[in-house]
PDB file of N, CA and C in Angstrom:
ATOM      1  N   MET A   1      -4.385  -9.913 -32.202  1.00  0.00           N
ATOM      2  CA  MET A   1      -3.616  -8.762 -31.819  1.00  0.00           C
ATOM      3  C   MET A   1      -3.529  -8.702 -30.299  1.00  0.00           C
ATOM      4  N   THR A   2      -2.381  -8.253 -29.850  1.00  0.00           N
ATOM      5  CA  THR A   2      -2.153  -8.072 -28.422  1.00  0.00           C
ATOM      6  C   THR A   2      -1.513  -6.700 -28.225  1.00  0.00           C
ATOM      7  N   GLU A   3      -1.160  -6.395 -26.987  1.00  0.00           N
ATOM      8  CA  GLU A   3      -0.467  -5.131 -26.727  1.00  0.00           C
ATOM      9  C   GLU A   3       0.918  -5.116 -27.366  1.00  0.00           C
ATOM     10  N   LYS A   4       1.444  -6.291 -27.683  1.00  0.00           N
ATOM     11  CA  LYS A   4       2.805  -6.409 -28.202  1.00  0.00           C
ATOM     12  C   LYS A   4       2.870  -6.700 -29.697  1.00  0.00           C
ATOM     13  N   LYS A   5       1.729  -6.957 -30.354  1.00  0.00           N
ATOM     14  CA  LYS A   5       1.721  -7.289 -31.777  1.00  0.00           C
ATOM     15  C   LYS A   5       0.665  -6.480 -32.519  1.00  0.00           C
ATOM     16  N   ALA A   6       1.013  -6.113 -33.753  1.00  0.00           N
ATOM     17  CA  ALA A   6       0.073  -5.434 -34.646  1.00  0.00           C
ATOM     18  C   ALA A   6      -0.036  -6.252 -35.926  1.00  0.00           C
ATOM     19  N   LEU A   7      -1.059  -5.995 -36.703  1.00  0.00           N
ATOM     20  CA  LEU A   7      -1.290  -6.698 -37.960  1.00  0.00           C
ATOM     21  C   LEU A   7      -0.977  -5.739 -39.107  1.00  0.00           C
ATOM     22  N   GLN A   8      -0.073  -6.150 -40.013  1.00  0.00           N
ATOM     23  CA  GLN A   8       0.288  -5.319 -41.159  1.00  0.00           C
ATOM     24  C   GLN A   8      -0.523  -5.767 -42.364  1.00  0.00           C
ATOM     25  N   LEU A   9      -1.203  -4.815 -43.002  1.00  0.00           N
ATOM     26  CA  LEU A   9      -2.061  -5.098 -44.156  1.00  0.00           C
ATOM     27  C   LEU A   9      -1.628  -4.276 -45.359  1.00  0.00           C
ATOM     28  N   GLU A  10      -2.038  -4.737 -46.539  1.00  0.00           N
ATOM     29  CA  GLU A  10      -1.794  -4.008 -47.777  1.00  0.00           C
ATOM     30  C   GLU A  10      -3.064  -4.015 -48.605  1.00  0.00           C
ATOM     31  N   ALA A  11      -3.380  -2.882 -49.229  1.00  0.00           N
ATOM     32  CA  ALA A  11      -4.566  -2.782 -50.089  1.00  0.00           C
ATOM     33  C   ALA A  11      -4.251  -3.380 -51.453  1.00  0.00           C
ATOM     34  N   ILE A  12      -5.089  -4.313 -51.889  1.00  0.00           N
ATOM     35  CA  ILE A  12      -4.949  -4.915 -53.217  1.00  0.00           C
ATOM     36  C   ILE A  12      -5.536  -3.970 -54.268  1.00  0.00           C
ATOM     37  N   ALA A  13      -6.633  -3.324 -53.921  1.00  0.00           N
ATOM     38  CA  ALA A  13      -7.302  -2.356 -54.797  1.00  0.00           C
ATOM     39  C   ALA A  13      -7.717  -1.165 -53.936  1.00  0.00           C
ATOM     40  N   THR A  14      -8.031  -0.045 -54.539  1.00  0.00           N
ATOM     41  CA  THR A  14      -8.489   1.120 -53.799  1.00  0.00           C
ATOM     42  C   THR A  14      -9.886   0.850 -53.258  1.00  0.00           C
ATOM     43  N   PHE A  15     -10.079   1.109 -51.955  1.00  0.00           N
ATOM     44  CA  PHE A  15     -11.362   0.850 -51.302  1.00  0.00           C
ATOM     45  C   PHE A  15     -11.432   1.619 -49.992  1.00  0.00           C
ATOM     46  N   THR A  16     -12.620   1.647 -49.385  1.00  0.00           N
ATOM     47  CA  THR A  16     -12.806   2.227 -48.057  1.00  0.00           C
ATOM     48  C   THR A  16     -12.873   1.085 -47.064  1.00  0.00           C
ATOM     49  N   ASP A  17     -11.995   1.117 -46.050  1.00  0.00           N
ATOM     50  CA  ASP A  17     -11.910  -0.004 -45.112  1.00  0.00           C
ATOM     51  C   ASP A  17     -13.019   0.038 -44.068  1.00  0.00           C
ATOM     52  N   ALA A  18     -13.008  -0.931 -43.172  1.00  0.00           N
ATOM     53  CA  ALA A  18     -14.042  -1.065 -42.142  1.00  0.00           C
ATOM     54  C   ALA A  18     -14.050   0.102 -41.163  1.00  0.00           C
ATOM     55  N   PHE A  19     -12.968   0.874 -41.108  1.00  0.00           N
ATOM     56  CA  PHE A  19     -12.873   2.026 -40.209  1.00  0.00           C
ATOM     57  C   PHE A  19     -13.241   3.322 -40.916  1.00  0.00           C
ATOM     58  N   GLY A  20     -13.662   3.226 -42.193  1.00  0.00           N
ATOM     59  CA  GLY A  20     -14.081   4.404 -42.949  1.00  0.00           C
ATOM     60  C   GLY A  20     -12.938   5.161 -43.597  1.00  0.00           C
ATOM     61  N   ARG A  21     -11.758   4.570 -43.650  1.00  0.00           N
ATOM     62  CA  ARG A  21     -10.594   5.229 -44.243  1.00  0.00           C
ATOM     63  C   ARG A  21     -10.405   4.762 -45.685  1.00  0.00           C
ATOM     64  N   LEU A  22     -10.119   5.709 -46.572  1.00  0.00           N
ATOM     65  CA  LEU A  22      -9.850   5.374 -47.967  1.00  0.00           C
ATOM     66  C   LEU A  22      -8.445   4.796 -48.056  1.00  0.00           C
ATOM     67  N   ARG A  23      -8.328   3.591 -48.598  1.00  0.00           N
ATOM     68  CA  ARG A  23      -7.035   2.928 -48.780  1.00  0.00           C
ATOM     69  C   ARG A  23      -6.786   2.797 -50.271  1.00  0.00           C
ATOM     70  N   LYS A  24      -5.625   3.257 -50.716  1.00  0.00           N
ATOM     71  CA  LYS A  24      -5.281   3.180 -52.130  1.00  0.00           C
ATOM     72  C   LYS A  24      -4.493   1.910 -52.402  1.00  0.00           C
ATOM     73  N   ALA A  25      -4.614   1.396 -53.607  1.00  0.00           N
ATOM     74  CA  ALA A  25      -3.926   0.166 -53.991  1.00  0.00           C
ATOM     75  C   ALA A  25      -2.437   0.277 -53.705  1.00  0.00           C
ATOM     76  N   GLY A  26      -1.885  -0.729 -53.029  1.00  0.00           N
ATOM     77  CA  GLY A  26      -0.471  -0.736 -52.685  1.00  0.00           C
ATOM     78  C   GLY A  26      -0.148  -0.120 -51.340  1.00  0.00           C
ATOM     79  N   GLU A  27      -1.092   0.608 -50.752  1.00  0.00           N
ATOM     80  CA  GLU A  27      -0.865   1.246 -49.447  1.00  0.00           C
ATOM     81  C   GLU A  27      -0.770   0.172 -48.362  1.00  0.00           C
ATOM     82  N   GLN A  28       0.142   0.380 -47.421  1.00  0.00           N
ATOM     83  CA  GLN A  28       0.288  -0.532 -46.294  1.00  0.00           C
ATOM     84  C   GLN A  28       0.025   0.223 -45.002  1.00  0.00           C
ATOM     85  N   TRP A  29      -0.528  -0.475 -43.998  1.00  0.00           N
ATOM     86  CA  TRP A  29      -0.815   0.127 -42.713  1.00  0.00           C
ATOM     87  C   TRP A  29      -0.847  -0.936 -41.628  1.00  0.00           C
ATOM     88  N   LEU A  30      -0.856  -0.488 -40.385  1.00  0.00           N
ATOM     89  CA  LEU A  30      -0.920  -1.380 -39.239  1.00  0.00           C
ATOM     90  C   LEU A  30      -2.267  -1.250 -38.544  1.00  0.00           C
ATOM     91  N   ILE A  31      -2.767  -2.358 -38.042  1.00  0.00           N
ATOM     92  CA  ILE A  31      -3.946  -2.355 -37.180  1.00  0.00           C
ATOM     93  C   ILE A  31      -3.477  -2.841 -35.813  1.00  0.00           C
ATOM     94  N   THR A  32      -3.729  -2.033 -34.797  1.00  0.00           N
ATOM     95  CA  THR A  32      -3.285  -2.366 -33.445  1.00  0.00           C
ATOM     96  C   THR A  32      -4.482  -2.680 -32.557  1.00  0.00           C
ATOM     97  N   LEU A  33      -4.187  -3.090 -31.352  1.00  0.00           N
ATOM     98  CA  LEU A  33      -5.237  -3.374 -30.375  1.00  0.00           C
ATOM     99  C   LEU A  33      -6.048  -2.108 -30.078  1.00  0.00           C
ATOM    100  N   GLY A  34      -5.430  -0.938 -30.239  1.00  0.00           N
ATOM    101  CA  GLY A  34      -6.141   0.321 -30.060  1.00  0.00           C
ATOM    102  C   GLY A  34      -7.211   0.560 -31.113  1.00  0.00           C
ATOM    103  N   ASP A  35      -7.050  -0.058 -32.284  1.00  0.00           N
ATOM    104  CA  ASP A  35      -8.042   0.064 -33.353  1.00  0.00           C
ATOM    105  C   ASP A  35      -9.197  -0.906 -33.142  1.00  0.00           C
ATOM    106  N   THR A  36      -8.881  -2.164 -32.867  1.00  0.00           N
ATOM    107  CA  THR A  36      -9.894  -3.203 -32.704  1.00  0.00           C
ATOM    108  C   THR A  36      -9.269  -4.421 -32.029  1.00  0.00           C
ATOM    109  N   GLU A  37     -10.094  -5.240 -31.414  1.00  0.00           N
ATOM    110  CA  GLU A  37      -9.586  -6.452 -30.766  1.00  0.00           C
ATOM    111  C   GLU A  37      -9.347  -7.566 -31.774  1.00  0.00           C
ATOM    112  N   THR A  38     -10.195  -7.642 -32.806  1.00  0.00           N
ATOM    113  CA  THR A  38     -10.055  -8.657 -33.853  1.00  0.00           C
ATOM    114  C   THR A  38     -10.246  -8.002 -35.210  1.00  0.00           C
ATOM    115  N   HIS A  39      -9.701  -8.638 -36.231  1.00  0.00           N
ATOM    116  CA  HIS A  39      -9.872  -8.107 -37.582  1.00  0.00           C
ATOM    117  C   HIS A  39      -9.872  -9.260 -38.575  1.00  0.00           C
ATOM    118  N   ILE A  40     -10.865  -9.303 -39.424  1.00  0.00           N
ATOM    119  CA  ILE A  40     -10.929 -10.258 -40.522  1.00  0.00           C
ATOM    120  C   ILE A  40     -10.653  -9.477 -41.796  1.00  0.00           C
ATOM    121  N   ALA A  41      -9.641  -9.907 -42.521  1.00  0.00           N
ATOM    122  CA  ALA A  41      -9.227  -9.173 -43.719  1.00  0.00           C
ATOM    123  C   ALA A  41     -10.345  -9.117 -44.753  1.00  0.00           C
ATOM    124  N   ASP A  42     -10.524  -7.948 -45.343  1.00  0.00           N
ATOM    125  CA  ASP A  42     -11.488  -7.714 -46.418  1.00  0.00           C
ATOM    126  C   ASP A  42     -10.946  -8.338 -47.704  1.00  0.00           C
ATOM    127  N   VAL A  43     -11.789  -8.512 -48.704  1.00  0.00           N
ATOM    128  CA  VAL A  43     -11.342  -9.074 -49.979  1.00  0.00           C
ATOM    129  C   VAL A  43     -10.329  -8.168 -50.672  1.00  0.00           C
ATOM    130  N   ASN A  44     -10.324  -6.884 -50.341  1.00  0.00           N
ATOM    131  CA  ASN A  44      -9.388  -5.932 -50.937  1.00  0.00           C
ATOM    132  C   ASN A  44      -8.125  -5.748 -50.101  1.00  0.00           C
ATOM    133  N   GLU A  45      -7.974  -6.530 -49.040  1.00  0.00           N
ATOM    134  CA  GLU A  45      -6.811  -6.436 -48.166  1.00  0.00           C
ATOM    135  C   GLU A  45      -5.985  -7.719 -48.245  1.00  0.00           C
ATOM    136  N   ARG A  46      -4.679  -7.553 -48.146  1.00  0.00           N
ATOM    137  CA  ARG A  46      -3.780  -8.709 -48.064  1.00  0.00           C
ATOM    138  C   ARG A  46      -3.029  -8.604 -46.745  1.00  0.00           C
ATOM    139  N   VAL A  47      -3.046  -9.684 -45.971  1.00  0.00           N
ATOM    140  CA  VAL A  47      -2.331  -9.702 -44.700  1.00  0.00           C
ATOM    141  C   VAL A  47      -0.861  -9.978 -44.997  1.00  0.00           C
ATOM    142  N   ILE A  48      -0.012  -9.055 -44.595  1.00  0.00           N
ATOM    143  CA  ILE A  48       1.423  -9.222 -44.787  1.00  0.00           C
ATOM    144  C   ILE A  48       2.002 -10.029 -43.628  1.00  0.00           C
ATOM    145  N   GLY A  49       1.520  -9.764 -42.417  1.00  0.00           N
ATOM    146  CA  GLY A  49       1.985 -10.527 -41.265  1.00  0.00           C
ATOM    147  C   GLY A  49       1.805  -9.770 -39.976  1.00  0.00           C
ATOM    148  N   GLU A  50       2.294 -10.366 -38.903  1.00  0.00           N
ATOM    149  CA  GLU A  50       2.267  -9.725 -37.595  1.00  0.00           C
ATOM    150  C   GLU A  50       3.565  -8.966 -37.393  1.00  0.00           C
ATOM    151  N   VAL A  51       3.471  -7.810 -36.750  1.00  0.00           N
ATOM    152  CA  VAL A  51       4.626  -6.964 -36.505  1.00  0.00           C
ATOM    153  C   VAL A  51       4.730  -6.732 -35.002  1.00  0.00           C
ATOM    154  N   PRO A  52       5.897  -7.023 -34.414  1.00  0.00           N
ATOM    155  CA  PRO A  52       6.050  -6.720 -32.993  1.00  0.00           C
ATOM    156  C   PRO A  52       6.105  -5.207 -32.791  1.00  0.00           C
ATOM    157  N   ILE A  53       5.414  -4.719 -31.785  1.00  0.00           N
ATOM    158  CA  ILE A  53       5.405  -3.285 -31.494  1.00  0.00           C
ATOM    159  C   ILE A  53       6.726  -2.911 -30.831  1.00  0.00           C
ATOM    160  N   THR A  54       7.350  -1.857 -31.308  1.00  0.00           N
ATOM    161  CA  THR A  54       8.652  -1.425 -30.818  1.00  0.00           C
ATOM    162  C   THR A  54       8.483  -0.255 -29.864  1.00  0.00           C
ATOM    163  N   THR A  55       9.085  -0.374 -28.703  1.00  0.00           N
ATOM    164  CA  THR A  55       9.084   0.700 -27.723  1.00  0.00           C
ATOM    165  C   THR A  55      10.507   1.216 -27.588  1.00  0.00           C
ATOM    166  N   LEU A  56      10.686   2.504 -27.730  1.00  0.00           N
ATOM    167  CA  LEU A  56      12.014   3.098 -27.655  1.00  0.00           C
ATOM    168  C   LEU A  56      12.318   3.553 -26.237  1.00  0.00           C
ATOM    169  N   SER A  57      13.577   3.424 -25.866  1.00  0.00           N
ATOM    170  CA  SER A  57      14.008   3.938 -24.555  1.00  0.00           C
ATOM    171  C   SER A  57      14.318   5.427 -24.694  1.00  0.00           C
ATOM    172  N   SER A  58      14.670   6.050 -23.595  1.00  0.00           N
ATOM    173  CA  SER A  58      14.979   7.482 -23.625  1.00  0.00           C
ATOM    174  C   SER A  58      16.291   7.765 -24.363  1.00  0.00           C
ATOM    175  N   ARG A  59      17.083   6.742 -24.639  1.00  0.00           N
ATOM    176  CA  ARG A  59      18.357   6.917 -25.342  1.00  0.00           C
ATOM    177  C   ARG A  59      18.267   6.507 -26.811  1.00  0.00           C
ATOM    178  N   GLN A  60      17.087   6.159 -27.287  1.00  0.00           N
ATOM    179  CA  GLN A  60      16.897   5.757 -28.670  1.00  0.00           C
ATOM    180  C   GLN A  60      16.022   6.782 -29.389  1.00  0.00           C
ATOM    181  N   TYR A  61      16.091   6.752 -30.719  1.00  0.00           N
ATOM    182  CA  TYR A  61      15.247   7.625 -31.529  1.00  0.00           C
ATOM    183  C   TYR A  61      14.918   6.925 -32.836  1.00  0.00           C
ATOM    184  N   CYS A  62      13.959   7.474 -33.560  1.00  0.00           N
ATOM    185  CA  CYS A  62      13.630   6.932 -34.872  1.00  0.00           C
ATOM    186  C   CYS A  62      13.578   8.072 -35.873  1.00  0.00           C
ATOM    187  N   VAL A  63      13.739   7.729 -37.137  1.00  0.00           N
ATOM    188  CA  VAL A  63      13.698   8.708 -38.217  1.00  0.00           C
ATOM    189  C   VAL A  63      12.478   8.392 -39.074  1.00  0.00           C
ATOM    190  N   LEU A  64      11.609   9.382 -39.264  1.00  0.00           N
ATOM    191  CA  LEU A  64      10.431   9.216 -40.120  1.00  0.00           C
ATOM    192  C   LEU A  64      10.812   9.644 -41.530  1.00  0.00           C
ATOM    193  N   LEU A  65      10.760   8.704 -42.459  1.00  0.00           N
ATOM    194  CA  LEU A  65      11.193   8.993 -43.823  1.00  0.00           C
ATOM    195  C   LEU A  65      10.160   9.741 -44.638  1.00  0.00           C
ATOM    196  N   ASP A  66       8.870   9.463 -44.432  1.00  0.00           N
ATOM    197  CA  ASP A  66       7.823  10.120 -45.200  1.00  0.00           C
ATOM    198  C   ASP A  66       6.661  10.440 -44.261  1.00  0.00           C
ATOM    199  N   PRO A  67       6.796  11.461 -43.418  1.00  0.00           N
ATOM    200  CA  PRO A  67       5.806  11.718 -42.380  1.00  0.00           C
ATOM    201  C   PRO A  67       4.518  12.383 -42.855  1.00  0.00           C
ATOM    202  N   VAL A  68       4.479  12.896 -44.066  1.00  0.00           N
ATOM    203  CA  VAL A  68       3.306  13.622 -44.543  1.00  0.00           C
ATOM    204  C   VAL A  68       2.470  12.715 -45.438  1.00  0.00           C
ATOM    205  N   ASP A  69       1.194  12.618 -45.146  1.00  0.00           N
ATOM    206  CA  ASP A  69       0.267  11.860 -45.963  1.00  0.00           C
ATOM    207  C   ASP A  69      -0.361  12.834 -46.950  1.00  0.00           C
ATOM    208  N   ALA A  70       0.113  12.832 -48.181  1.00  0.00           N
ATOM    209  CA  ALA A  70      -0.383  13.759 -49.200  1.00  0.00           C
ATOM    210  C   ALA A  70      -1.735  13.269 -49.713  1.00  0.00           C
ATOM    211  N   LYS A  71      -2.803  13.905 -49.258  1.00  0.00           N
ATOM    212  CA  LYS A  71      -4.156  13.511 -49.685  1.00  0.00           C
ATOM    213  C   LYS A  71      -4.519  14.312 -50.924  1.00  0.00           C
ATOM    214  N   THR A  72      -4.830  13.582 -51.980  1.00  0.00           N
ATOM    215  CA  THR A  72      -5.188  14.258 -53.225  1.00  0.00           C
ATOM    216  C   THR A  72      -6.586  13.926 -53.621  1.00  0.00           C
TER     217      THR A  72
END
């Protein structure tokens, strides 16, 4: 991971990750340099790939499709 790349992961099964977060099967998330310098995927994680970090200019915007994390 660098300042310009993040690692995209997916949970194969429901588990608690190395950061203490509960991940449900099928959930996807990013790990950035702000989280850790290195990461070795757990047996319950699948590495999807590297994702370039996107920086928006003052004339650009993004739309969040599902901004609420419904914790049940």
